[in-house]
């Protein structure tokens, strides 16, 4: 993890500049590979 990323995480955490709630869409039982999505279904579950 780069110093710049850690600094940004500390900043947004301290300033609370992010949403405190996220939508977590559950998997549909498959993962369609694309040129951008190069992950298997099993890897998607781990992710």
ModelCIF file with pLDDT and N, C-alpha, C, O atoms, coordinates in Angstrom:
data_MODEL
#
_entry.id   MODEL 
#
_entity.id                         1 
_entity.type                       polymer 
_entity.pdbx_number_of_molecules   1 
#
_entity_poly.entity_id                      1 
_entity_poly.type                           'polypeptide(L)' 
_entity_poly.nstd_linkage                   no 
_entity_poly.nstd_monomer                   no 
_entity_poly.pdbx_seq_one_letter_code       
;(UNK)(UNK)(UNK)(UNK)(UNK)(UNK)(UNK)(UNK)(UNK)(UNK)(UNK)(UNK)(UNK)(UNK)(UNK)(UNK)
(UNK)(UNK)(UNK)(UNK)(UNK)(UNK)(UNK)(UNK)(UNK)(UNK)(UNK)(UNK)(UNK)(UNK)(UNK)(UNK)
(UNK)(UNK)(UNK)(UNK)(UNK)(UNK)(UNK)(UNK)(UNK)(UNK)(UNK)(UNK)(UNK)(UNK)(UNK)
;
_entity_poly.pdbx_seq_one_letter_code_can   XXXXXXXXXXXXXXXXXXXXXXXXXXXXXXXXXXXXXXXXXXXXXXX 
_entity_poly.pdbx_strand_id                 A 
#
loop_
_entity_poly_seq.entity_id 
_entity_poly_seq.num 
_entity_poly_seq.mon_id 
_entity_poly_seq.hetero 
1 1  UNK n 
1 2  UNK n 
1 3  UNK n 
1 4  UNK n 
1 5  UNK n 
1 6  UNK n 
1 7  UNK n 
1 8  UNK n 
1 9  UNK n 
1 10 UNK n 
1 11 UNK n 
1 12 UNK n 
1 13 UNK n 
1 14 UNK n 
1 15 UNK n 
1 16 UNK n 
1 17 UNK n 
1 18 UNK n 
1 19 UNK n 
1 20 UNK n 
1 21 UNK n 
1 22 UNK n 
1 23 UNK n 
1 24 UNK n 
1 25 UNK n 
1 26 UNK n 
1 27 UNK n 
1 28 UNK n 
1 29 UNK n 
1 30 UNK n 
1 31 UNK n 
1 32 UNK n 
1 33 UNK n 
1 34 UNK n 
1 35 UNK n 
1 36 UNK n 
1 37 UNK n 
1 38 UNK n 
1 39 UNK n 
1 40 UNK n 
1 41 UNK n 
1 42 UNK n 
1 43 UNK n 
1 44 UNK n 
1 45 UNK n 
1 46 UNK n 
1 47 UNK n 
#
_struct_asym.id          A 
_struct_asym.entity_id   1 
#
loop_
_ma_qa_metric.id 
_ma_qa_metric.mode 
_ma_qa_metric.name 
_ma_qa_metric.software_group_id 
_ma_qa_metric.type 
1 global pLDDT . pLDDT 
2 local  pLDDT . pLDDT 
#
_ma_qa_metric_global.metric_id      1 
_ma_qa_metric_global.metric_value   88.02 
_ma_qa_metric_global.model_id       1 
_ma_qa_metric_global.ordinal_id     1 
#
loop_
_ma_qa_metric_local.label_asym_id 
_ma_qa_metric_local.label_comp_id 
_ma_qa_metric_local.label_seq_id 
_ma_qa_metric_local.metric_id 
_ma_qa_metric_local.metric_value 
_ma_qa_metric_local.model_id 
_ma_qa_metric_local.ordinal_id 
A UNK 1  2 88.00 1 1  
A UNK 2  2 91.00 1 2  
A UNK 3  2 93.00 1 3  
A UNK 4  2 94.00 1 4  
A UNK 5  2 89.00 1 5  
A UNK 6  2 89.00 1 6  
A UNK 7  2 94.00 1 7  
A UNK 8  2 91.00 1 8  
A UNK 9  2 85.00 1 9  
A UNK 10 2 89.00 1 10 
A UNK 11 2 92.00 1 11 
A UNK 12 2 86.00 1 12 
A UNK 13 2 83.00 1 13 
A UNK 14 2 89.00 1 14 
A UNK 15 2 90.00 1 15 
A UNK 16 2 84.00 1 16 
A UNK 17 2 85.00 1 17 
A UNK 18 2 79.00 1 18 
A UNK 19 2 80.00 1 19 
A UNK 20 2 82.00 1 20 
A UNK 21 2 87.00 1 21 
A UNK 22 2 90.00 1 22 
A UNK 23 2 92.00 1 23 
A UNK 24 2 91.00 1 24 
A UNK 25 2 90.00 1 25 
A UNK 26 2 91.00 1 26 
A UNK 27 2 90.00 1 27 
A UNK 28 2 90.00 1 28 
A UNK 29 2 91.00 1 29 
A UNK 30 2 89.00 1 30 
A UNK 31 2 87.00 1 31 
A UNK 32 2 85.00 1 32 
A UNK 33 2 83.00 1 33 
A UNK 34 2 88.00 1 34 
A UNK 35 2 89.00 1 35 
A UNK 36 2 86.00 1 36 
A UNK 37 2 81.00 1 37 
A UNK 38 2 84.00 1 38 
A UNK 39 2 85.00 1 39 
A UNK 40 2 88.00 1 40 
A UNK 41 2 90.00 1 41 
A UNK 42 2 91.00 1 42 
A UNK 43 2 89.00 1 43 
A UNK 44 2 88.00 1 44 
A UNK 45 2 91.00 1 45 
A UNK 46 2 90.00 1 46 
A UNK 47 2 88.00 1 47 
#
loop_
_atom_site.group_PDB 
_atom_site.id 
_atom_site.type_symbol 
_atom_site.label_atom_id 
_atom_site.label_alt_id 
_atom_site.label_comp_id 
_atom_site.label_asym_id 
_atom_site.label_entity_id 
_atom_site.label_seq_id 
_atom_site.pdbx_PDB_ins_code 
_atom_site.Cartn_x 
_atom_site.Cartn_y 
_atom_site.Cartn_z 
_atom_site.occupancy 
_atom_site.B_iso_or_equiv 
_atom_site.pdbx_formal_charge 
_atom_site.auth_seq_id 
_atom_site.auth_comp_id 
_atom_site.auth_asym_id 
_atom_site.auth_atom_id 
_atom_site.pdbx_PDB_model_num 
ATOM 1   N N  . UNK A 1 1  ? 0.868   -1.174  0.000   1.00 88.00 ? 1  UNK A N  1 
ATOM 2   C CA . UNK A 1 1  ? 0.000   0.000   0.000   1.00 88.00 ? 1  UNK A CA 1 
ATOM 3   C C  . UNK A 1 1  ? 0.907   1.227   0.000   1.00 88.00 ? 1  UNK A C  1 
ATOM 4   O O  . UNK A 1 1  ? 1.762   1.375   0.874   1.00 88.00 ? 1  UNK A O  1 
ATOM 5   N N  . UNK A 1 2  ? 0.719   2.092   -0.972  1.00 91.00 ? 2  UNK A N  1 
ATOM 6   C CA . UNK A 1 2  ? 1.601   3.259   -1.104  1.00 91.00 ? 2  UNK A CA 1 
ATOM 7   C C  . UNK A 1 2  ? 1.364   4.254   0.029   1.00 91.00 ? 2  UNK A C  1 
ATOM 8   O O  . UNK A 1 2  ? 0.305   4.270   0.656   1.00 91.00 ? 2  UNK A O  1 
ATOM 9   N N  . UNK A 1 3  ? 2.369   5.076   0.271   1.00 93.00 ? 3  UNK A N  1 
ATOM 10  C CA . UNK A 1 3  ? 2.238   6.136   1.278   1.00 93.00 ? 3  UNK A CA 1 
ATOM 11  C C  . UNK A 1 3  ? 1.102   7.086   0.909   1.00 93.00 ? 3  UNK A C  1 
ATOM 12  O O  . UNK A 1 3  ? 0.345   7.526   1.775   1.00 93.00 ? 3  UNK A O  1 
ATOM 13  N N  . UNK A 1 4  ? 0.989   7.398   -0.382  1.00 94.00 ? 4  UNK A N  1 
ATOM 14  C CA . UNK A 1 4  ? -0.061  8.318   -0.839  1.00 94.00 ? 4  UNK A CA 1 
ATOM 15  C C  . UNK A 1 4  ? -1.446  7.747   -0.555  1.00 94.00 ? 4  UNK A C  1 
ATOM 16  O O  . UNK A 1 4  ? -2.342  8.468   -0.115  1.00 94.00 ? 4  UNK A O  1 
ATOM 17  N N  . UNK A 1 5  ? -1.619  6.455   -0.809  1.00 89.00 ? 5  UNK A N  1 
ATOM 18  C CA . UNK A 1 5  ? -2.920  5.832   -0.539  1.00 89.00 ? 5  UNK A CA 1 
ATOM 19  C C  . UNK A 1 5  ? -3.205  5.812   0.954   1.00 89.00 ? 5  UNK A C  1 
ATOM 20  O O  . UNK A 1 5  ? -4.320  6.126   1.370   1.00 89.00 ? 5  UNK A O  1 
ATOM 21  N N  . UNK A 1 6  ? -2.233  5.454   1.754   1.00 89.00 ? 6  UNK A N  1 
ATOM 22  C CA . UNK A 1 6  ? -2.440  5.444   3.206   1.00 89.00 ? 6  UNK A CA 1 
ATOM 23  C C  . UNK A 1 6  ? -2.765  6.840   3.726   1.00 89.00 ? 6  UNK A C  1 
ATOM 24  O O  . UNK A 1 6  ? -3.617  6.994   4.601   1.00 89.00 ? 6  UNK A O  1 
ATOM 25  N N  . UNK A 1 7  ? -2.095  7.851   3.194   1.00 94.00 ? 7  UNK A N  1 
ATOM 26  C CA . UNK A 1 7  ? -2.375  9.226   3.613   1.00 94.00 ? 7  UNK A CA 1 
ATOM 27  C C  . UNK A 1 7  ? -3.803  9.614   3.249   1.00 94.00 ? 7  UNK A C  1 
ATOM 28  O O  . UNK A 1 7  ? -4.492  10.269  4.030   1.00 94.00 ? 7  UNK A O  1 
ATOM 29  N N  . UNK A 1 8  ? -4.238  9.215   2.081   1.00 91.00 ? 8  UNK A N  1 
ATOM 30  C CA . UNK A 1 8  ? -5.607  9.533   1.659   1.00 91.00 ? 8  UNK A CA 1 
ATOM 31  C C  . UNK A 1 8  ? -6.634  8.789   2.511   1.00 91.00 ? 8  UNK A C  1 
ATOM 32  O O  . UNK A 1 8  ? -7.670  9.354   2.859   1.00 91.00 ? 8  UNK A O  1 
ATOM 33  N N  . UNK A 1 9  ? -6.363  7.550   2.843   1.00 85.00 ? 9  UNK A N  1 
ATOM 34  C CA . UNK A 1 9  ? -7.267  6.788   3.715   1.00 85.00 ? 9  UNK A CA 1 
ATOM 35  C C  . UNK A 1 9  ? -7.359  7.453   5.081   1.00 85.00 ? 9  UNK A C  1 
ATOM 36  O O  . UNK A 1 9  ? -8.448  7.583   5.639   1.00 85.00 ? 9  UNK A O  1 
ATOM 37  N N  . UNK A 1 10 ? -6.225  7.873   5.617   1.00 89.00 ? 10 UNK A N  1 
ATOM 38  C CA . UNK A 1 10 ? -6.244  8.570   6.910   1.00 89.00 ? 10 UNK A CA 1 
ATOM 39  C C  . UNK A 1 10 ? -7.041  9.872   6.820   1.00 89.00 ? 10 UNK A C  1 
ATOM 40  O O  . UNK A 1 10 ? -7.809  10.205  7.723   1.00 89.00 ? 10 UNK A O  1 
ATOM 41  N N  . UNK A 1 11 ? -6.849  10.596  5.730   1.00 92.00 ? 11 UNK A N  1 
ATOM 42  C CA . UNK A 1 11 ? -7.551  11.877  5.562   1.00 92.00 ? 11 UNK A CA 1 
ATOM 43  C C  . UNK A 1 11 ? -9.060  11.677  5.475   1.00 92.00 ? 11 UNK A C  1 
ATOM 44  O O  . UNK A 1 11 ? -9.811  12.331  6.199   1.00 92.00 ? 11 UNK A O  1 
ATOM 45  N N  . UNK A 1 12 ? -9.515  10.782  4.599   1.00 86.00 ? 12 UNK A N  1 
ATOM 46  C CA . UNK A 1 12 ? -10.960 10.617  4.449   1.00 86.00 ? 12 UNK A CA 1 
ATOM 47  C C  . UNK A 1 12 ? -11.592 9.992   5.683   1.00 86.00 ? 12 UNK A C  1 
ATOM 48  O O  . UNK A 1 12 ? -12.764 10.230  5.977   1.00 86.00 ? 12 UNK A O  1 
ATOM 49  N N  . UNK A 1 13 ? -10.812 9.190   6.405   1.00 83.00 ? 13 UNK A N  1 
ATOM 50  C CA . UNK A 1 13 ? -11.323 8.624   7.653   1.00 83.00 ? 13 UNK A CA 1 
ATOM 51  C C  . UNK A 1 13 ? -11.475 9.723   8.704   1.00 83.00 ? 13 UNK A C  1 
ATOM 52  O O  . UNK A 1 13 ? -12.502 9.796   9.379   1.00 83.00 ? 13 UNK A O  1 
ATOM 53  N N  . UNK A 1 14 ? -10.475 10.565  8.844   1.00 89.00 ? 14 UNK A N  1 
ATOM 54  C CA . UNK A 1 14 ? -10.517 11.645  9.833   1.00 89.00 ? 14 UNK A CA 1 
ATOM 55  C C  . UNK A 1 14 ? -11.594 12.666  9.501   1.00 89.00 ? 14 UNK A C  1 
ATOM 56  O O  . UNK A 1 14 ? -12.286 13.160  10.391  1.00 89.00 ? 14 UNK A O  1 
ATOM 57  N N  . UNK A 1 15 ? -11.734 12.981  8.216   1.00 90.00 ? 15 UNK A N  1 
ATOM 58  C CA . UNK A 1 15 ? -12.694 14.003  7.797   1.00 90.00 ? 15 UNK A CA 1 
ATOM 59  C C  . UNK A 1 15 ? -14.087 13.442  7.517   1.00 90.00 ? 15 UNK A C  1 
ATOM 60  O O  . UNK A 1 15 ? -15.040 14.187  7.293   1.00 90.00 ? 15 UNK A O  1 
ATOM 61  N N  . UNK A 1 16 ? -14.183 12.110  7.536   1.00 84.00 ? 16 UNK A N  1 
ATOM 62  C CA . UNK A 1 16 ? -15.451 11.424  7.244   1.00 84.00 ? 16 UNK A CA 1 
ATOM 63  C C  . UNK A 1 16 ? -16.084 11.943  5.956   1.00 84.00 ? 16 UNK A C  1 
ATOM 64  O O  . UNK A 1 16 ? -17.244 12.356  5.929   1.00 84.00 ? 16 UNK A O  1 
ATOM 65  N N  . UNK A 1 17 ? -15.293 11.910  4.901   1.00 85.00 ? 17 UNK A N  1 
ATOM 66  C CA . UNK A 1 17 ? -15.738 12.432  3.607   1.00 85.00 ? 17 UNK A CA 1 
ATOM 67  C C  . UNK A 1 17 ? -16.307 11.349  2.693   1.00 85.00 ? 17 UNK A C  1 
ATOM 68  O O  . UNK A 1 17 ? -16.399 11.555  1.482   1.00 85.00 ? 17 UNK A O  1 
ATOM 69  N N  . UNK A 1 18 ? -16.678 10.235  3.235   1.00 79.00 ? 18 UNK A N  1 
ATOM 70  C CA . UNK A 1 18 ? -17.210 9.137   2.438   1.00 79.00 ? 18 UNK A CA 1 
ATOM 71  C C  . UNK A 1 18 ? -18.530 8.671   3.041   1.00 79.00 ? 18 UNK A C  1 
ATOM 72  O O  . UNK A 1 18 ? -18.852 8.978   4.189   1.00 79.00 ? 18 UNK A O  1 
ATOM 73  N N  . UNK A 1 19 ? -19.272 7.936   2.255   1.00 80.00 ? 19 UNK A N  1 
ATOM 74  C CA . UNK A 1 19 ? -20.540 7.381   2.731   1.00 80.00 ? 19 UNK A CA 1 
ATOM 75  C C  . UNK A 1 19 ? -20.259 6.320   3.788   1.00 80.00 ? 19 UNK A C  1 
ATOM 76  O O  . UNK A 1 19 ? -19.328 5.527   3.650   1.00 80.00 ? 19 UNK A O  1 
ATOM 77  N N  . UNK A 1 20 ? -21.054 6.310   4.825   1.00 82.00 ? 20 UNK A N  1 
ATOM 78  C CA . UNK A 1 20 ? -20.892 5.341   5.909   1.00 82.00 ? 20 UNK A CA 1 
ATOM 79  C C  . UNK A 1 20 ? -21.692 4.075   5.640   1.00 82.00 ? 20 UNK A C  1 
ATOM 80  O O  . UNK A 1 20 ? -21.720 3.162   6.465   1.00 82.00 ? 20 UNK A O  1 
ATOM 81  N N  . UNK A 1 21 ? -22.340 4.026   4.487   1.00 87.00 ? 21 UNK A N  1 
ATOM 82  C CA . UNK A 1 21 ? -23.174 2.890   4.131   1.00 87.00 ? 21 UNK A CA 1 
ATOM 83  C C  . UNK A 1 21 ? -22.941 2.568   2.656   1.00 87.00 ? 21 UNK A C  1 
ATOM 84  O O  . UNK A 1 21 ? -22.853 3.468   1.821   1.00 87.00 ? 21 UNK A O  1 
ATOM 85  N N  . UNK A 1 22 ? -22.844 1.284   2.349   1.00 90.00 ? 22 UNK A N  1 
ATOM 86  C CA . UNK A 1 22 ? -22.670 0.866   0.961   1.00 90.00 ? 22 UNK A CA 1 
ATOM 87  C C  . UNK A 1 22 ? -23.714 -0.181  0.609   1.00 90.00 ? 22 UNK A C  1 
ATOM 88  O O  . UNK A 1 22 ? -24.186 -0.929  1.466   1.00 90.00 ? 22 UNK A O  1 
ATOM 89  N N  . UNK A 1 23 ? -24.061 -0.217  -0.659  1.00 92.00 ? 23 UNK A N  1 
ATOM 90  C CA . UNK A 1 23 ? -24.932 -1.275  -1.161  1.00 92.00 ? 23 UNK A CA 1 
ATOM 91  C C  . UNK A 1 23 ? -24.044 -2.446  -1.534  1.00 92.00 ? 23 UNK A C  1 
ATOM 92  O O  . UNK A 1 23 ? -23.058 -2.285  -2.252  1.00 92.00 ? 23 UNK A O  1 
ATOM 93  N N  . UNK A 1 24 ? -24.396 -3.621  -1.046  1.00 91.00 ? 24 UNK A N  1 
ATOM 94  C CA . UNK A 1 24 ? -23.598 -4.808  -1.314  1.00 91.00 ? 24 UNK A CA 1 
ATOM 95  C C  . UNK A 1 24 ? -24.484 -5.788  -2.075  1.00 91.00 ? 24 UNK A C  1 
ATOM 96  O O  . UNK A 1 24 ? -25.298 -6.497  -1.485  1.00 91.00 ? 24 UNK A O  1 
ATOM 97  N N  . UNK A 1 25 ? -24.312 -5.817  -3.391  1.00 90.00 ? 25 UNK A N  1 
ATOM 98  C CA . UNK A 1 25 ? -25.135 -6.657  -4.253  1.00 90.00 ? 25 UNK A CA 1 
ATOM 99  C C  . UNK A 1 25 ? -24.579 -8.079  -4.224  1.00 90.00 ? 25 UNK A C  1 
ATOM 100 O O  . UNK A 1 25 ? -23.436 -8.324  -4.608  1.00 90.00 ? 25 UNK A O  1 
ATOM 101 N N  . UNK A 1 26 ? -25.403 -8.997  -3.766  1.00 91.00 ? 26 UNK A N  1 
ATOM 102 C CA . UNK A 1 26 ? -24.983 -10.401 -3.642  1.00 91.00 ? 26 UNK A CA 1 
ATOM 103 C C  . UNK A 1 26 ? -24.823 -11.044 -5.011  1.00 91.00 ? 26 UNK A C  1 
ATOM 104 O O  . UNK A 1 26 ? -25.472 -10.652 -5.981  1.00 91.00 ? 26 UNK A O  1 
ATOM 105 N N  . UNK A 1 27 ? -23.950 -12.036 -5.070  1.00 90.00 ? 27 UNK A N  1 
ATOM 106 C CA . UNK A 1 27 ? -23.653 -12.682 -6.351  1.00 90.00 ? 27 UNK A CA 1 
ATOM 107 C C  . UNK A 1 27 ? -24.866 -13.465 -6.855  1.00 90.00 ? 27 UNK A C  1 
ATOM 108 O O  . UNK A 1 27 ? -25.732 -13.880 -6.084  1.00 90.00 ? 27 UNK A O  1 
ATOM 109 N N  . UNK A 1 28 ? -24.894 -13.648 -8.153  1.00 90.00 ? 28 UNK A N  1 
ATOM 110 C CA . UNK A 1 28 ? -25.996 -14.342 -8.809  1.00 90.00 ? 28 UNK A CA 1 
ATOM 111 C C  . UNK A 1 28 ? -25.689 -15.803 -9.078  1.00 90.00 ? 28 UNK A C  1 
ATOM 112 O O  . UNK A 1 28 ? -26.487 -16.510 -9.692  1.00 90.00 ? 28 UNK A O  1 
ATOM 113 N N  . UNK A 1 29 ? -24.534 -16.253 -8.619  1.00 91.00 ? 29 UNK A N  1 
ATOM 114 C CA . UNK A 1 29 ? -24.174 -17.647 -8.840  1.00 91.00 ? 29 UNK A CA 1 
ATOM 115 C C  . UNK A 1 29 ? -23.278 -17.862 -10.039 1.00 91.00 ? 29 UNK A C  1 
ATOM 116 O O  . UNK A 1 29 ? -22.978 -18.999 -10.402 1.00 91.00 ? 29 UNK A O  1 
ATOM 117 N N  . UNK A 1 30 ? -22.852 -16.780 -10.652 1.00 89.00 ? 30 UNK A N  1 
ATOM 118 C CA . UNK A 1 30 ? -21.935 -16.870 -11.787 1.00 89.00 ? 30 UNK A CA 1 
ATOM 119 C C  . UNK A 1 30 ? -21.184 -15.551 -11.908 1.00 89.00 ? 30 UNK A C  1 
ATOM 120 O O  . UNK A 1 30 ? -21.550 -14.545 -11.300 1.00 89.00 ? 30 UNK A O  1 
ATOM 121 N N  . UNK A 1 31 ? -20.131 -15.583 -12.704 1.00 87.00 ? 31 UNK A N  1 
ATOM 122 C CA . UNK A 1 31 ? -19.352 -14.373 -12.977 1.00 87.00 ? 31 UNK A CA 1 
ATOM 123 C C  . UNK A 1 31 ? -18.948 -14.446 -14.443 1.00 87.00 ? 31 UNK A C  1 
ATOM 124 O O  . UNK A 1 31 ? -18.166 -15.312 -14.835 1.00 87.00 ? 31 UNK A O  1 
ATOM 125 N N  . UNK A 1 32 ? -19.470 -13.554 -15.235 1.00 85.00 ? 32 UNK A N  1 
ATOM 126 C CA . UNK A 1 32 ? -19.211 -13.545 -16.673 1.00 85.00 ? 32 UNK A CA 1 
ATOM 127 C C  . UNK A 1 32 ? -17.891 -12.831 -16.958 1.00 85.00 ? 32 UNK A C  1 
ATOM 128 O O  . UNK A 1 32 ? -17.790 -11.622 -16.749 1.00 85.00 ? 32 UNK A O  1 
ATOM 129 N N  . UNK A 1 33 ? -16.886 -13.552 -17.428 1.00 83.00 ? 33 UNK A N  1 
ATOM 130 C CA . UNK A 1 33 ? -15.607 -12.899 -17.745 1.00 83.00 ? 33 UNK A CA 1 
ATOM 131 C C  . UNK A 1 33 ? -15.759 -11.934 -18.923 1.00 83.00 ? 33 UNK A C  1 
ATOM 132 O O  . UNK A 1 33 ? -16.481 -12.213 -19.881 1.00 83.00 ? 33 UNK A O  1 
ATOM 133 N N  . UNK A 1 34 ? -15.076 -10.809 -18.836 1.00 88.00 ? 34 UNK A N  1 
ATOM 134 C CA . UNK A 1 34 ? -15.023 -9.836  -19.925 1.00 88.00 ? 34 UNK A CA 1 
ATOM 135 C C  . UNK A 1 34 ? -13.574 -9.390  -20.064 1.00 88.00 ? 34 UNK A C  1 
ATOM 136 O O  . UNK A 1 34 ? -12.706 -9.858  -19.327 1.00 88.00 ? 34 UNK A O  1 
ATOM 137 N N  . UNK A 1 35 ? -13.310 -8.494  -20.999 1.00 89.00 ? 35 UNK A N  1 
ATOM 138 C CA . UNK A 1 35 ? -11.938 -8.000  -21.145 1.00 89.00 ? 35 UNK A CA 1 
ATOM 139 C C  . UNK A 1 35 ? -11.514 -7.208  -19.910 1.00 89.00 ? 35 UNK A C  1 
ATOM 140 O O  . UNK A 1 35 ? -10.326 -7.146  -19.593 1.00 89.00 ? 35 UNK A O  1 
ATOM 141 N N  . UNK A 1 36 ? -12.470 -6.605  -19.215 1.00 86.00 ? 36 UNK A N  1 
ATOM 142 C CA . UNK A 1 36 ? -12.151 -5.853  -17.994 1.00 86.00 ? 36 UNK A CA 1 
ATOM 143 C C  . UNK A 1 36 ? -12.232 -6.723  -16.745 1.00 86.00 ? 36 UNK A C  1 
ATOM 144 O O  . UNK A 1 36 ? -11.478 -6.509  -15.795 1.00 86.00 ? 36 UNK A O  1 
ATOM 145 N N  . UNK A 1 37 ? -13.124 -7.688  -16.734 1.00 81.00 ? 37 UNK A N  1 
ATOM 146 C CA . UNK A 1 37 ? -13.323 -8.555  -15.562 1.00 81.00 ? 37 UNK A CA 1 
ATOM 147 C C  . UNK A 1 37 ? -12.642 -9.895  -15.825 1.00 81.00 ? 37 UNK A C  1 
ATOM 148 O O  . UNK A 1 37 ? -13.190 -10.766 -16.501 1.00 81.00 ? 37 UNK A O  1 
ATOM 149 N N  . UNK A 1 38 ? -11.462 -10.039 -15.289 1.00 84.00 ? 38 UNK A N  1 
ATOM 150 C CA . UNK A 1 38 ? -10.667 -11.259 -15.523 1.00 84.00 ? 38 UNK A CA 1 
ATOM 151 C C  . UNK A 1 38 ? -10.589 -12.067 -14.242 1.00 84.00 ? 38 UNK A C  1 
ATOM 152 O O  . UNK A 1 38 ? -9.501  -12.356 -13.744 1.00 84.00 ? 38 UNK A O  1 
ATOM 153 N N  . UNK A 1 39 ? -11.738 -12.428 -13.718 1.00 85.00 ? 39 UNK A N  1 
ATOM 154 C CA . UNK A 1 39 ? -11.796 -13.117 -12.449 1.00 85.00 ? 39 UNK A CA 1 
ATOM 155 C C  . UNK A 1 39 ? -12.773 -14.279 -12.578 1.00 85.00 ? 39 UNK A C  1 
ATOM 156 O O  . UNK A 1 39 ? -13.818 -14.158 -13.217 1.00 85.00 ? 39 UNK A O  1 
ATOM 157 N N  . UNK A 1 40 ? -12.423 -15.392 -11.971 1.00 88.00 ? 40 UNK A N  1 
ATOM 158 C CA . UNK A 1 40 ? -13.314 -16.544 -12.011 1.00 88.00 ? 40 UNK A CA 1 
ATOM 159 C C  . UNK A 1 40 ? -14.423 -16.370 -10.976 1.00 88.00 ? 40 UNK A C  1 
ATOM 160 O O  . UNK A 1 40 ? -14.346 -15.502 -10.107 1.00 88.00 ? 40 UNK A O  1 
ATOM 161 N N  . UNK A 1 41 ? -15.443 -17.197 -11.081 1.00 90.00 ? 41 UNK A N  1 
ATOM 162 C CA . UNK A 1 41 ? -16.526 -17.130 -10.105 1.00 90.00 ? 41 UNK A CA 1 
ATOM 163 C C  . UNK A 1 41 ? -15.992 -17.388 -8.702  1.00 90.00 ? 41 UNK A C  1 
ATOM 164 O O  . UNK A 1 41 ? -16.345 -16.675 -7.762  1.00 90.00 ? 41 UNK A O  1 
ATOM 165 N N  . UNK A 1 42 ? -15.142 -18.404 -8.555  1.00 91.00 ? 42 UNK A N  1 
ATOM 166 C CA . UNK A 1 42 ? -14.578 -18.711 -7.233  1.00 91.00 ? 42 UNK A CA 1 
ATOM 167 C C  . UNK A 1 42 ? -13.776 -17.532 -6.691  1.00 91.00 ? 42 UNK A C  1 
ATOM 168 O O  . UNK A 1 42 ? -13.886 -17.199 -5.511  1.00 91.00 ? 42 UNK A O  1 
ATOM 169 N N  . UNK A 1 43 ? -12.973 -16.901 -7.541  1.00 89.00 ? 43 UNK A N  1 
ATOM 170 C CA . UNK A 1 43 ? -12.217 -15.717 -7.120  1.00 89.00 ? 43 UNK A CA 1 
ATOM 171 C C  . UNK A 1 43 ? -13.158 -14.572 -6.733  1.00 89.00 ? 43 UNK A C  1 
ATOM 172 O O  . UNK A 1 43 ? -12.863 -13.810 -5.812  1.00 89.00 ? 43 UNK A O  1 
ATOM 173 N N  . UNK A 1 44 ? -14.280 -14.453 -7.428  1.00 88.00 ? 44 UNK A N  1 
ATOM 174 C CA . UNK A 1 44 ? -15.227 -13.380 -7.107  1.00 88.00 ? 44 UNK A CA 1 
ATOM 175 C C  . UNK A 1 44 ? -15.824 -13.574 -5.713  1.00 88.00 ? 44 UNK A C  1 
ATOM 176 O O  . UNK A 1 44 ? -16.105 -12.597 -5.020  1.00 88.00 ? 44 UNK A O  1 
ATOM 177 N N  . UNK A 1 45 ? -16.019 -14.823 -5.301  1.00 91.00 ? 45 UNK A N  1 
ATOM 178 C CA . UNK A 1 45 ? -16.540 -15.090 -3.955  1.00 91.00 ? 45 UNK A CA 1 
ATOM 179 C C  . UNK A 1 45 ? -15.515 -14.693 -2.894  1.00 91.00 ? 45 UNK A C  1 
ATOM 180 O O  . UNK A 1 45 ? -15.871 -14.110 -1.871  1.00 91.00 ? 45 UNK A O  1 
ATOM 181 N N  . UNK A 1 46 ? -14.253 -15.008 -3.138  1.00 90.00 ? 46 UNK A N  1 
ATOM 182 C CA . UNK A 1 46 ? -13.180 -14.613 -2.216  1.00 90.00 ? 46 UNK A CA 1 
ATOM 183 C C  . UNK A 1 46 ? -13.082 -13.091 -2.162  1.00 90.00 ? 46 UNK A C  1 
ATOM 184 O O  . UNK A 1 46 ? -12.934 -12.512 -1.086  1.00 90.00 ? 46 UNK A O  1 
ATOM 185 N N  . UNK A 1 47 ? -13.164 -12.451 -3.316  1.00 88.00 ? 47 UNK A N  1 
ATOM 186 C CA . UNK A 1 47 ? -13.089 -10.987 -3.391  1.00 88.00 ? 47 UNK A CA 1 
ATOM 187 C C  . UNK A 1 47 ? -14.260 -10.347 -2.647  1.00 88.00 ? 47 UNK A C  1 
ATOM 188 O O  . UNK A 1 47 ? -14.366 -9.121  -2.601  1.00 88.00 ? 47 UNK A O  1 
#
